[in-house]
Amino acid sequence: MALNPLTVWAVLVRRGLLGPGLPHRQVRQLLALHRWGFGLSGELRQAASRDPKRVAVIDEERGPVTYAELLARSEQAAALLGDRGFRPGQRVGLLARNHVGAVEVMCGAAAAGVDLVLLNTGLSATQLALVVEQQSVVGLVHDDEFAAVVGDLSEDVTVIGHAAWESALAEAPPRKVVAPPARGGRTIILTSGTTGVPKGAPRRVPSGFGPLVSIIERIPLRVHDRILVSAPIFHTWGYGAMQLGFALRGTIVLRRRFDPQDAKDTLEQADCDAMFAVPVMLQRMMELPADPGGRARRANLRVVATSGSAHPHGFTTKFMDEYGDVLYNLYGSTEASWVCIATPEDLAREPDTAGTPPLGTVVRILDGEGREVAPGETGRIFCGNALVFEGYTSGANKEFVDGLVSTGDMGHQRDGLYFVDGRDDDMIVSGGENVYPVEVESLLVKHPDVREVSVVGVPDPEFGQRLAAFVVLHEGGRLTAEQVKDHVRANQARHCVPREVHFVDALPRNETGKVLARELRDRLP
């Protein structure tokens, strides 16, 4: 899985990372990486050493913040964490939306050696209290809008609101972190938690340029790109986009909340080269009125990169018809990081593909005995790369086979491309037949009256399990439950027909856009 050094060098040159620059700044840049490593602290410092006056983050409240300014504020944040009594190895939570203040806390915690637990902004007060307890969080920095959510936390947890944090930073004298901590702070990202309580997965720190090269060789980001990060930075995809932006000495554009019209306008007004989002965000953008002249106004847009869930059937073609051949989709997970990347060429050839493994990544599709299946056959997806996690913070782990981690998905490979068929725990057995709900979802979402749909398996006393479909109609859609069943019956095997159909106003989703299947099941009698 190690990359050839010549390949690494060639990609870095092609993406502009080894371009000419002032010698003294290049030396400081390399020294920063040598001393601080390739995590958040090291990437910020190498960028600030090479391009101190370049804008690092554009925040809708603070405006442009340069790399030198971001580094100075993050060093103050590191000192402030120490002043508040947090020590290296302790865990502090961050409950915040996408803004530069959150980035400063992330970078400050890493520099102070404090482990930072990135908390989902969609957690309820009860869920938050449980996660804080399970993750042994001793302190919490939060946006003020979440004051009610954090109100029930134990008195043993030091809670600091955004306004209080900003005031303390403003009053503190400038301080510089002159040396990395003996133990660098880890970032702990929570799994999506669509079926239960989220688990903490420490994010591994890259040991070199390999992980960066694996991504930018396939997704053509370049040095100094301007990147709109719409995906939440508390989760893997948004956090990864931020790391990539720092590594490329680029400019990260942040908005606290995603709004489809605002995102579309920002791509033009901020002259963005790239956008990182979750698929449902692009779906909402595509529901806006058609804009034939938009592509000309987005002339710099080369990359729209998504991850977190699959695109609905037929969506990729529609999106590229309006935005151009700029769509990339990364299939991965919190535990496996990346598995496959689909390029515009892959998606034009097979719109539903997950793509192919990038450089340095091994993917195997195995049967129940751990043997590799033949092309075209469905099996369990296992993956290995430089950033596969080393286990949950609880001490539990995923299943490994020959060093490869289970993604928890079923899939197959055909003609060199990989496809995801559904979660290995989503498959149901109904009347003795294996059924993947995603097959039914892919069929129903193509119906002109259907805006979105989720199909889940539920217990059935006669058939063992049955399918229940939750359907959101477009405005003016007039489908009935029987028409939905007839449509499936006309296009799929009989055992794929949902035994019940429920029409809902919207599907429950978490902050990363994944449908919360457990909430749908809870609605059933």
Protein backbone atom coordinates (compact mmCIF):
# COMPACT_ATOMS: atom_id res chain seq x y z
CA MET A 1 0.00 0.00 0.00
CA ALA A 2 3.06 2.31 0.16
CA LEU A 3 3.37 4.71 -2.75
CA ASN A 4 6.32 4.86 -5.11
CA PRO A 5 8.38 7.98 -4.23
CA LEU A 6 8.60 8.93 -7.91
CA THR A 7 4.81 8.80 -8.14
CA VAL A 8 4.49 11.01 -5.06
CA TRP A 9 6.94 13.49 -6.51
CA ALA A 10 5.19 13.56 -9.90
CA VAL A 11 1.76 14.23 -8.36
CA LEU A 12 3.09 16.99 -6.08
CA VAL A 13 4.69 18.67 -9.10
CA ARG A 14 1.54 18.29 -11.22
CA ARG A 15 -0.65 19.87 -8.54
CA GLY A 16 1.74 22.79 -8.01
CA LEU A 17 2.96 21.91 -4.51
CA LEU A 18 6.62 21.85 -5.51
CA GLY A 19 6.55 25.13 -7.41
CA PRO A 20 9.21 27.83 -7.01
CA GLY A 21 9.20 30.07 -3.94
CA LEU A 22 11.41 32.16 -1.67
CA PRO A 23 14.17 29.84 -0.38
CA HIS A 24 13.91 30.89 3.27
CA ARG A 25 10.16 30.26 3.28
CA GLN A 26 10.60 26.87 1.65
CA VAL A 27 13.10 25.91 4.34
CA ARG A 28 10.73 27.02 7.11
CA GLN A 29 7.91 25.11 5.43
CA LEU A 30 9.87 21.85 5.42
CA LEU A 31 11.07 22.39 8.97
CA ALA A 32 7.47 22.88 10.13
CA LEU A 33 6.45 19.55 8.60
CA HIS A 34 9.51 17.85 10.07
CA ARG A 35 8.83 19.15 13.58
CA TRP A 36 5.04 19.09 13.67
CA GLY A 37 4.19 16.27 11.28
CA PHE A 38 1.42 16.03 8.70
CA GLY A 39 -1.54 16.54 11.02
CA LEU A 40 -3.55 19.72 11.42
CA SER A 41 -0.81 21.58 13.34
CA GLY A 42 1.90 20.72 10.86
CA GLU A 43 -0.20 21.52 7.78
CA LEU A 44 -1.23 24.90 9.21
CA ARG A 45 2.35 25.76 10.10
CA GLN A 46 3.81 24.73 6.75
CA ALA A 47 1.21 26.88 4.99
CA ALA A 48 1.84 29.84 7.29
CA SER A 49 5.60 29.47 6.76
CA ARG A 50 5.32 29.42 2.97
CA ASP A 51 2.34 31.77 2.37
CA PRO A 52 1.76 33.79 5.59
CA LYS A 53 -0.26 36.54 3.88
CA ARG A 54 -2.46 34.23 1.84
CA VAL A 55 -6.07 34.01 2.98
CA ALA A 56 -6.62 30.72 4.81
CA VAL A 57 -10.31 31.02 5.69
CA ILE A 58 -13.15 33.26 4.55
CA ASP A 59 -15.75 33.40 7.29
CA GLU A 60 -19.15 35.05 6.79
CA GLU A 61 -18.75 36.95 10.09
CA ARG A 62 -14.99 37.53 10.39
CA GLY A 63 -14.25 37.86 6.70
CA PRO A 64 -10.83 36.85 5.33
CA VAL A 65 -8.28 35.43 7.78
CA THR A 66 -4.70 34.92 6.62
CA TYR A 67 -2.54 31.92 7.46
CA ALA A 68 -0.38 34.05 9.74
CA GLU A 69 -3.47 35.32 11.58
CA LEU A 70 -4.99 31.84 11.85
CA LEU A 71 -1.75 30.43 13.26
CA ALA A 72 -1.49 33.23 15.83
CA ARG A 73 -5.08 32.73 16.97
CA SER A 74 -4.70 28.95 17.14
CA GLU A 75 -1.60 29.35 19.31
CA GLN A 76 -3.59 31.60 21.63
CA ALA A 77 -6.30 28.93 21.69
CA ALA A 78 -3.71 26.31 22.66
CA ALA A 79 -2.48 28.50 25.52
CA LEU A 80 -6.04 29.24 26.64
CA LEU A 81 -6.84 25.53 26.83
CA GLY A 82 -3.83 25.12 29.11
CA ASP A 83 -4.90 28.09 31.23
CA ARG A 84 -8.31 26.46 31.71
CA GLY A 85 -6.61 23.38 33.14
CA PHE A 86 -6.80 20.99 30.18
CA ARG A 87 -3.75 18.79 29.90
CA PRO A 88 -2.27 16.72 27.06
CA GLY A 89 -4.17 13.48 26.59
CA GLN A 90 -7.40 14.81 28.12
CA ARG A 91 -10.48 15.04 25.91
CA VAL A 92 -12.27 18.28 25.13
CA GLY A 93 -15.43 18.39 23.03
CA LEU A 94 -16.26 20.90 20.30
CA LEU A 95 -19.89 21.52 19.39
CA ALA A 96 -19.81 24.05 16.58
CA ARG A 97 -20.88 24.81 13.06
CA ASN A 98 -18.59 25.70 10.16
CA HIS A 99 -16.76 28.89 11.08
CA VAL A 100 -13.21 30.07 11.63
CA GLY A 101 -13.56 30.04 15.42
CA ALA A 102 -14.14 26.29 15.31
CA VAL A 103 -11.05 25.87 13.12
CA GLU A 104 -8.97 27.81 15.67
CA VAL A 105 -10.10 25.50 18.48
CA MET A 106 -9.26 22.42 16.37
CA CYS A 107 -5.78 23.69 15.57
CA GLY A 108 -5.21 24.93 19.12
CA ALA A 109 -6.17 21.60 20.67
CA ALA A 110 -3.80 19.75 18.34
CA ALA A 111 -0.94 22.09 19.26
CA ALA A 112 -1.67 21.73 22.99
CA GLY A 113 -1.73 17.93 22.85
CA VAL A 114 -5.40 17.88 23.88
CA ASP A 115 -7.62 15.24 22.25
CA LEU A 116 -10.55 16.96 20.57
CA VAL A 117 -13.89 15.17 20.21
CA LEU A 118 -15.86 16.66 17.32
CA LEU A 119 -19.52 16.56 18.29
CA ASN A 120 -22.44 16.32 15.88
CA THR A 121 -24.51 19.52 15.94
CA GLY A 122 -27.64 17.42 15.51
CA LEU A 123 -27.31 15.66 18.87
CA SER A 124 -30.12 16.08 21.37
CA ALA A 125 -29.34 17.01 24.98
CA THR A 126 -29.76 13.39 26.04
CA GLN A 127 -27.55 12.06 23.24
CA LEU A 128 -24.90 14.71 23.91
CA ALA A 129 -24.75 13.84 27.61
CA LEU A 130 -24.34 10.15 26.76
CA VAL A 131 -21.57 10.78 24.21
CA VAL A 132 -19.73 13.14 26.58
CA GLU A 133 -19.82 10.48 29.28
CA GLN A 134 -18.78 7.63 26.97
CA GLN A 135 -15.91 9.64 25.48
CA SER A 136 -14.66 10.83 28.92
CA VAL A 137 -14.91 14.48 27.84
CA VAL A 138 -13.73 16.85 30.60
CA GLY A 139 -14.43 20.15 28.82
CA LEU A 140 -16.66 21.46 26.06
CA VAL A 141 -16.42 24.52 23.80
CA HIS A 142 -19.71 25.25 22.05
CA ASP A 143 -21.48 27.75 19.84
CA ASP A 144 -23.89 29.80 21.90
CA GLU A 145 -26.90 28.54 19.95
CA PHE A 146 -26.39 25.16 21.67
CA ALA A 147 -26.61 26.53 25.22
CA ALA A 148 -29.83 24.61 25.90
CA VAL A 149 -28.37 21.36 24.58
CA VAL A 150 -25.33 21.51 26.88
CA GLY A 151 -27.36 22.60 29.91
CA ASP A 152 -27.79 19.10 31.36
CA LEU A 153 -24.12 18.08 31.30
CA SER A 154 -22.42 16.96 34.48
CA GLU A 155 -20.93 19.69 36.68
CA ASP A 156 -17.61 17.89 36.27
CA VAL A 157 -17.51 19.02 32.62
CA THR A 158 -16.14 22.53 32.08
CA VAL A 159 -18.45 24.21 29.58
CA ILE A 160 -17.32 27.30 27.64
CA GLY A 161 -19.67 29.19 25.31
CA HIS A 162 -18.46 30.80 22.08
CA ALA A 163 -18.86 34.38 23.31
CA ALA A 164 -16.92 33.65 26.51
CA TRP A 165 -14.22 31.84 24.54
CA GLU A 166 -13.84 34.72 22.06
CA SER A 167 -13.71 37.25 24.88
CA ALA A 168 -10.96 35.31 26.63
CA LEU A 169 -8.95 35.09 23.41
CA ALA A 170 -9.33 38.82 22.80
CA GLU A 171 -8.11 39.68 26.31
CA ALA A 172 -5.17 37.26 26.30
CA PRO A 173 -1.75 38.58 25.26
CA PRO A 174 -0.22 37.10 22.10
CA ARG A 175 1.48 33.80 22.85
CA LYS A 176 3.52 31.53 20.64
CA VAL A 177 3.72 27.74 20.79
CA VAL A 178 7.42 27.20 20.23
CA ALA A 179 7.56 23.40 20.29
CA PRO A 180 5.17 20.53 19.61
CA PRO A 181 3.86 18.64 22.65
CA ALA A 182 5.46 15.34 23.58
CA ARG A 183 2.22 13.71 22.55
CA GLY A 184 0.28 15.40 19.76
CA GLY A 185 -3.43 15.95 20.26
CA ARG A 186 -5.67 13.46 18.46
CA THR A 187 -8.89 14.33 16.68
CA ILE A 188 -11.75 11.96 17.52
CA ILE A 189 -14.55 11.87 14.97
CA LEU A 190 -17.87 10.25 15.79
CA THR A 191 -19.42 7.71 13.47
CA SER A 192 -22.66 8.84 11.85
CA GLY A 193 -24.82 7.01 14.36
CA THR A 194 -27.74 6.30 12.00
CA THR A 195 -28.63 3.10 13.85
CA GLY A 196 -27.44 3.75 17.40
CA VAL A 197 -25.18 5.82 19.65
CA PRO A 198 -22.20 7.26 17.69
CA LYS A 199 -18.81 5.67 18.39
CA GLY A 200 -15.56 7.60 18.64
CA ALA A 201 -12.93 6.88 16.00
CA PRO A 202 -9.54 8.60 16.48
CA ARG A 203 -8.28 10.03 13.21
CA ARG A 204 -4.79 8.83 12.35
CA VAL A 205 -2.13 11.43 11.58
CA PRO A 206 -0.54 10.93 8.13
CA SER A 207 3.11 9.96 8.26
CA GLY A 208 3.99 11.65 4.98
CA PHE A 209 2.66 12.93 1.67
CA GLY A 210 1.08 9.58 0.72
CA PRO A 211 -2.52 10.19 1.86
CA LEU A 212 -2.57 13.65 0.28
CA VAL A 213 -1.24 12.27 -2.99
CA SER A 214 -3.79 9.43 -2.97
CA ILE A 215 -6.62 11.96 -2.99
CA ILE A 216 -5.30 14.75 -5.24
CA GLU A 217 -4.04 12.30 -7.85
CA ARG A 218 -7.69 11.34 -8.43
CA ILE A 219 -9.45 14.58 -7.43
CA PRO A 220 -7.52 17.34 -9.25
CA LEU A 221 -7.19 19.95 -6.53
CA ARG A 222 -4.30 22.36 -6.95
CA VAL A 223 -2.16 24.60 -4.77
CA HIS A 224 -3.94 27.84 -3.77
CA ASP A 225 -7.39 26.55 -4.76
CA ARG A 226 -10.38 28.29 -3.22
CA ILE A 227 -12.63 25.62 -1.69
CA LEU A 228 -16.21 26.00 -0.44
CA VAL A 229 -16.56 23.49 2.40
CA SER A 230 -20.29 22.92 2.85
CA ALA A 231 -19.92 19.50 4.49
CA PRO A 232 -19.85 19.78 8.31
CA ILE A 233 -16.27 20.10 9.54
CA PHE A 234 -17.13 18.00 12.60
CA HIS A 235 -17.34 14.94 10.37
CA THR A 236 -14.80 13.08 8.27
CA TRP A 237 -15.52 14.66 4.88
CA GLY A 238 -15.61 18.29 6.01
CA TYR A 239 -12.62 17.77 8.31
CA GLY A 240 -10.72 16.09 5.48
CA ALA A 241 -11.55 18.99 3.15
CA MET A 242 -10.08 21.40 5.69
CA GLN A 243 -6.88 19.34 5.95
CA LEU A 244 -6.58 19.22 2.16
CA GLY A 245 -7.08 22.97 1.99
CA PHE A 246 -4.26 23.58 4.46
CA ALA A 247 -1.96 21.10 2.71
CA LEU A 248 -2.57 22.92 -0.59
CA ARG A 249 -2.13 26.35 1.04
CA GLY A 250 -5.57 27.08 -0.30
CA THR A 251 -8.45 29.26 0.87
CA ILE A 252 -11.33 27.59 2.70
CA VAL A 253 -14.72 29.27 2.38
CA LEU A 254 -17.08 28.49 5.29
CA ARG A 255 -20.77 29.11 5.93
CA ARG A 256 -22.31 28.26 9.29
CA ARG A 257 -25.40 26.69 7.73
CA PHE A 258 -25.97 25.20 4.33
CA ASP A 259 -28.52 26.90 2.13
CA PRO A 260 -28.78 25.73 -1.50
CA GLN A 261 -29.18 29.20 -3.02
CA ASP A 262 -26.45 30.67 -0.83
CA ALA A 263 -24.09 27.82 -1.79
CA LYS A 264 -24.78 28.39 -5.48
CA ASP A 265 -24.22 32.13 -5.10
CA THR A 266 -21.04 31.60 -3.06
CA LEU A 267 -19.52 29.42 -5.76
CA GLU A 268 -19.79 32.42 -8.09
CA GLN A 269 -19.20 35.35 -5.74
CA ALA A 270 -16.19 33.76 -4.02
CA ASP A 271 -14.86 32.50 -7.37
CA CYS A 272 -14.45 28.98 -6.02
CA ASP A 273 -12.35 26.31 -7.70
CA ALA A 274 -13.88 23.47 -5.69
CA MET A 275 -16.73 22.52 -3.39
CA PHE A 276 -16.94 19.74 -0.77
CA ALA A 277 -20.46 18.65 0.14
CA VAL A 278 -22.65 15.69 1.01
CA PRO A 279 -24.94 14.40 -1.76
CA VAL A 280 -28.22 15.70 -0.31
CA MET A 281 -26.81 19.24 -0.51
CA LEU A 282 -26.32 18.91 -4.25
CA GLN A 283 -29.83 17.46 -4.55
CA ARG A 284 -31.22 20.60 -2.90
CA MET A 285 -29.18 22.81 -5.23
CA MET A 286 -30.55 20.95 -8.23
CA GLU A 287 -34.10 21.67 -7.05
CA LEU A 288 -33.49 25.40 -7.59
CA PRO A 289 -34.75 26.97 -10.84
CA ALA A 290 -32.66 26.12 -13.90
CA ASP A 291 -29.84 28.57 -14.60
CA PRO A 292 -28.49 28.09 -18.16
CA GLY A 293 -25.87 30.83 -17.77
CA GLY A 294 -24.54 29.56 -14.47
CA ARG A 295 -21.73 27.45 -15.93
CA ALA A 296 -20.19 30.47 -17.60
CA ARG A 297 -20.24 32.39 -14.31
CA ARG A 298 -18.62 29.42 -12.54
CA ALA A 299 -15.76 29.21 -15.01
CA ASN A 300 -13.17 28.33 -12.33
CA LEU A 301 -15.19 25.47 -10.81
CA ARG A 302 -13.24 22.27 -11.54
CA VAL A 303 -14.23 20.02 -8.64
CA VAL A 304 -17.45 19.27 -6.77
CA ALA A 305 -16.52 16.46 -4.40
CA THR A 306 -19.05 14.54 -2.35
CA SER A 307 -18.98 11.75 0.19
CA GLY A 308 -21.10 10.37 3.01
CA SER A 309 -23.80 8.56 1.05
CA ALA A 310 -24.63 7.37 -2.44
CA HIS A 311 -26.12 9.64 -5.08
CA PRO A 312 -29.71 8.80 -6.05
CA HIS A 313 -30.03 6.86 -9.27
CA GLY A 314 -29.82 9.20 -12.26
CA PHE A 315 -28.67 12.20 -10.25
CA THR A 316 -25.06 12.33 -11.41
CA THR A 317 -25.99 12.78 -15.07
CA LYS A 318 -28.45 15.59 -14.30
CA PHE A 319 -25.92 17.37 -12.10
CA MET A 320 -23.13 17.26 -14.67
CA ASP A 321 -25.52 18.44 -17.39
CA GLU A 322 -25.94 21.68 -15.40
CA TYR A 323 -22.57 22.07 -13.66
CA GLY A 324 -20.23 20.38 -16.11
CA ASP A 325 -17.96 17.36 -15.76
CA VAL A 326 -16.79 18.36 -12.30
CA LEU A 327 -18.44 15.74 -10.05
CA TYR A 328 -16.30 13.40 -7.94
CA ASN A 329 -17.70 11.02 -5.34
CA LEU A 330 -15.58 9.43 -2.62
CA TYR A 331 -16.87 6.22 -1.09
CA GLY A 332 -15.44 5.73 2.36
CA SER A 333 -16.24 5.70 6.06
CA THR A 334 -15.03 7.18 9.33
CA GLU A 335 -13.17 3.92 10.03
CA ALA A 336 -11.71 3.25 6.56
CA SER A 337 -11.19 6.86 5.42
CA TRP A 338 -11.39 6.41 1.64
CA VAL A 339 -12.17 3.23 -0.29
CA CYS A 340 -12.93 4.26 -3.88
CA ILE A 341 -13.23 7.50 -5.83
CA ALA A 342 -15.51 7.95 -8.84
CA THR A 343 -14.36 10.51 -11.39
CA PRO A 344 -16.61 12.31 -13.91
CA GLU A 345 -15.45 9.80 -16.52
CA ASP A 346 -16.42 6.89 -14.27
CA LEU A 347 -19.83 8.43 -13.54
CA ALA A 348 -20.50 9.15 -17.21
CA ARG A 349 -19.79 5.49 -17.95
CA GLU A 350 -21.68 4.03 -14.95
CA PRO A 351 -23.65 6.69 -12.99
CA ASP A 352 -24.10 4.41 -9.97
CA THR A 353 -20.48 3.33 -9.57
CA ALA A 354 -18.32 3.95 -6.51
CA GLY A 355 -15.35 4.24 -8.87
CA THR A 356 -11.98 2.60 -8.30
CA PRO A 357 -9.46 2.50 -5.41
CA PRO A 358 -7.02 5.44 -5.47
CA LEU A 359 -3.26 5.07 -5.21
CA GLY A 360 -2.09 3.10 -2.19
CA THR A 361 -5.52 1.58 -1.50
CA VAL A 362 -6.43 -2.10 -1.59
CA VAL A 363 -10.07 -3.22 -1.91
CA ARG A 364 -11.26 -6.82 -1.73
CA ILE A 365 -14.77 -8.22 -1.98
CA LEU A 366 -15.03 -11.34 0.17
CA ASP A 367 -17.57 -14.04 0.86
CA GLY A 368 -18.61 -15.23 4.29
CA GLU A 369 -15.50 -17.43 4.55
CA GLY A 370 -13.11 -14.58 3.75
CA ARG A 371 -12.48 -15.71 0.16
CA GLU A 372 -12.45 -13.24 -2.72
CA VAL A 373 -15.56 -13.50 -4.90
CA ALA A 374 -15.58 -13.54 -8.69
CA PRO A 375 -16.26 -10.32 -10.67
CA GLY A 376 -19.98 -9.60 -10.75
CA GLU A 377 -20.69 -11.51 -7.54
CA THR A 378 -21.80 -9.66 -4.41
CA GLY A 379 -19.74 -9.90 -1.25
CA ARG A 380 -18.53 -7.92 1.73
CA ILE A 381 -16.26 -4.95 1.03
CA PHE A 382 -12.90 -4.79 2.83
CA CYS A 383 -10.34 -2.02 2.44
CA GLY A 384 -6.80 -1.07 3.42
CA ASN A 385 -4.94 2.24 3.15
CA ALA A 386 -2.60 4.51 5.11
CA LEU A 387 -5.35 6.00 7.31
CA VAL A 388 -7.46 2.99 8.30
CA PHE A 389 -8.38 3.52 11.94
CA GLU A 390 -6.88 1.49 14.78
CA GLY A 391 -10.03 0.91 16.80
CA TYR A 392 -12.76 2.84 18.57
CA THR A 393 -12.09 4.85 21.71
CA SER A 394 -14.19 2.29 23.61
CA GLY A 395 -11.67 -0.45 22.80
CA ALA A 396 -14.00 -2.14 20.31
CA ASN A 397 -12.99 -2.63 16.70
CA LYS A 398 -14.28 -3.46 13.26
CA GLU A 399 -13.66 -6.82 11.62
CA PHE A 400 -10.29 -7.18 9.87
CA VAL A 401 -9.25 -9.82 7.32
CA ASP A 402 -5.58 -9.94 6.26
CA GLY A 403 -5.06 -6.37 7.43
CA LEU A 404 -8.12 -5.03 5.59
CA VAL A 405 -11.02 -3.49 7.51
CA SER A 406 -14.68 -4.23 6.84
CA THR A 407 -16.61 -1.22 5.55
CA GLY A 408 -19.88 -2.79 6.64
CA ASP A 409 -21.13 -2.71 3.05
CA MET A 410 -21.95 -5.28 0.41
CA GLY A 411 -20.77 -4.71 -3.14
CA HIS A 412 -19.42 -6.10 -6.37
CA GLN A 413 -16.87 -5.32 -9.03
CA ARG A 414 -17.63 -5.23 -12.74
CA ASP A 415 -15.47 -4.20 -15.70
CA GLY A 416 -12.90 -2.63 -13.40
CA LEU A 417 -15.41 -0.49 -11.48
CA TYR A 418 -16.74 -1.06 -7.96
CA PHE A 419 -20.39 -0.83 -6.89
CA VAL A 420 -21.98 -0.67 -3.44
CA ASP A 421 -25.11 -2.80 -3.13
CA GLY A 422 -26.11 -1.80 0.41
CA ARG A 423 -25.18 -2.24 4.05
CA ASP A 424 -24.40 -5.81 5.07
CA ASP A 425 -26.89 -5.40 7.93
CA ASP A 426 -29.54 -3.83 5.63
CA MET A 427 -30.12 -6.96 3.58
CA ILE A 428 -33.29 -8.69 4.68
CA VAL A 429 -34.59 -12.18 4.09
CA SER A 430 -38.27 -12.03 3.15
CA GLY A 431 -40.02 -15.32 2.55
CA GLY A 432 -36.64 -16.99 2.00
CA GLU A 433 -35.46 -14.43 -0.57
CA ASN A 434 -32.53 -12.03 -0.08
CA VAL A 435 -33.58 -8.41 -0.67
CA TYR A 436 -31.46 -5.25 -0.63
CA PRO A 437 -33.62 -2.19 0.12
CA VAL A 438 -31.31 0.02 -1.98
CA GLU A 439 -32.45 -1.82 -5.13
CA VAL A 440 -36.02 -0.76 -4.47
CA GLU A 441 -34.96 2.78 -3.56
CA SER A 442 -33.03 3.11 -6.84
CA LEU A 443 -36.14 2.10 -8.78
CA LEU A 444 -38.62 4.33 -6.93
CA VAL A 445 -36.49 7.48 -6.98
CA LYS A 446 -36.57 7.39 -10.78
CA HIS A 447 -40.36 7.83 -10.75
CA PRO A 448 -41.22 11.41 -11.84
CA ASP A 449 -43.51 11.96 -8.83
CA VAL A 450 -40.91 10.88 -6.24
CA ARG A 451 -38.57 13.42 -4.69
CA GLU A 452 -36.80 10.99 -2.37
CA VAL A 453 -37.43 7.62 -0.77
CA SER A 454 -36.09 5.32 1.91
CA VAL A 455 -36.86 1.61 2.13
CA VAL A 456 -36.21 -0.27 5.37
CA GLY A 457 -36.62 -3.82 6.58
CA VAL A 458 -38.90 -4.55 9.53
CA PRO A 459 -39.86 -7.78 11.33
CA ASP A 460 -42.79 -9.71 9.90
CA PRO A 461 -44.50 -12.67 11.65
CA GLU A 462 -45.31 -14.43 8.36
CA PHE A 463 -42.33 -13.69 6.10
CA GLY A 464 -39.61 -13.14 8.70
CA GLN A 465 -38.99 -9.61 7.41
CA ARG A 466 -40.78 -7.22 5.07
CA LEU A 467 -40.00 -3.99 3.28
CA ALA A 468 -41.54 -0.67 4.29
CA ALA A 469 -41.18 2.28 1.91
CA PHE A 470 -41.19 5.90 3.08
CA VAL A 471 -41.86 8.18 0.11
CA VAL A 472 -41.54 11.95 -0.27
CA LEU A 473 -43.41 13.25 -3.31
CA HIS A 474 -42.60 16.26 -5.44
CA GLU A 475 -45.04 19.12 -5.08
CA GLY A 476 -48.11 18.09 -7.06
CA GLY A 477 -47.19 14.38 -7.00
CA ARG A 478 -50.25 12.13 -6.69
CA LEU A 479 -48.98 8.59 -6.24
CA THR A 480 -50.95 6.18 -4.08
CA ALA A 481 -49.55 3.31 -2.05
CA GLU A 482 -50.95 0.79 -4.53
CA GLN A 483 -49.37 2.64 -7.45
CA VAL A 484 -46.02 2.52 -5.69
CA LYS A 485 -46.37 -1.24 -5.20
CA ASP A 486 -47.51 -1.73 -8.80
CA HIS A 487 -44.48 0.20 -10.06
CA VAL A 488 -42.11 -2.05 -8.11
CA ARG A 489 -44.04 -5.17 -9.12
CA ALA A 490 -43.74 -4.21 -12.81
CA ASN A 491 -39.96 -3.75 -12.61
CA GLN A 492 -38.65 -6.02 -9.84
CA ALA A 493 -39.20 -9.52 -8.51
CA ARG A 494 -42.29 -10.03 -6.37
CA HIS A 495 -40.34 -10.34 -3.13
CA CYS A 496 -39.03 -6.77 -3.69
CA VAL A 497 -42.51 -5.21 -3.48
CA PRO A 498 -42.90 -3.20 -0.23
CA ARG A 499 -45.69 -4.58 1.92
CA GLU A 500 -46.42 -1.10 3.24
CA VAL A 501 -45.94 2.40 1.83
CA HIS A 502 -45.92 5.57 3.92
CA PHE A 503 -45.96 9.08 2.48
CA VAL A 504 -43.98 11.60 4.55
CA ASP A 505 -43.15 15.29 4.19
CA ALA A 506 -39.40 14.69 4.57
CA LEU A 507 -36.95 11.94 5.47
CA PRO A 508 -35.19 12.31 8.83
CA ARG A 509 -31.47 12.92 8.22
CA ASN A 510 -28.45 13.56 10.38
CA GLU A 511 -26.16 16.56 9.85
CA THR A 512 -24.16 14.68 7.19
CA GLY A 513 -27.24 13.90 5.12
CA LYS A 514 -27.65 10.23 5.97
CA VAL A 515 -31.20 8.97 6.42
CA LEU A 516 -31.94 7.90 10.00
CA ALA A 517 -33.47 4.48 9.45
CA ARG A 518 -34.14 3.94 13.15
CA GLU A 519 -36.42 6.99 13.25
CA LEU A 520 -38.39 5.64 10.30
CA ARG A 521 -38.80 2.27 11.99
CA ASP A 522 -39.95 4.01 15.17
CA ARG A 523 -42.85 5.52 13.23
CA LEU A 524 -44.26 2.11 12.41
CA PRO A 525 -47.02 0.67 14.62
